[in-house]
Amino acid sequence: MNDINFFFEAIQSGEKDRVEVLLKLHPELVNAKDARGFTPLIFASYFDKKDVVETLLDFNAEIDATDSSGNTALIGVAFKGNTDLATLLIKKGADVNAKNSLGITPLIFAAMYNQTGMVVLLLKHEADVTQKDNQGKTVLDYAKEKGFEAIVDLLK
């Protein structure tokens, strides 16, 4: 398929049926990257398109594929706080301790953006609170720095 943009437009607009048809015709699209380095799974996750995410996973999308910044779908979902989508990704095997190119994990992003429900979910699935980013900061460092006391309490 020459125009990958057509596929990514279907993903962004949440057209599950069109995505499925395109994947049946062009299965190689399931892990293709757009011009910015996003995979379909990362893109669908970012736009909260759970039906499309499920379809992509049914077509064996690589769960921990990364974009050009090293973000996985779960890392992208963590800062937005969509726990339903995060739960789906985790159940399908997403690495809760994945790190992007800055060393940021899903747990660190969740704490940075005050996503308490996401922090609870990630901790429940054994996210490592001791991991440090490339600046040497832990999730607790970020929560304290931002003054997110509920998250600080969860991490202690």
Foldseek 3Di string as FASTA:
>chain_A
DPDLVVLLVCLLVLVQVVNLVVCVVPVVLLQDADPQFDRSLLSNLLSVNQSNNVSSVVSPRPLLDAGPQSDGSLLSNLLVQPVVSNVVSVVSPHDQAGATNQGDGSLLSNLLNVNLVSNVVSVVVPHDQCGATNVRDGSLNNNVVVVSVSSNVVSD
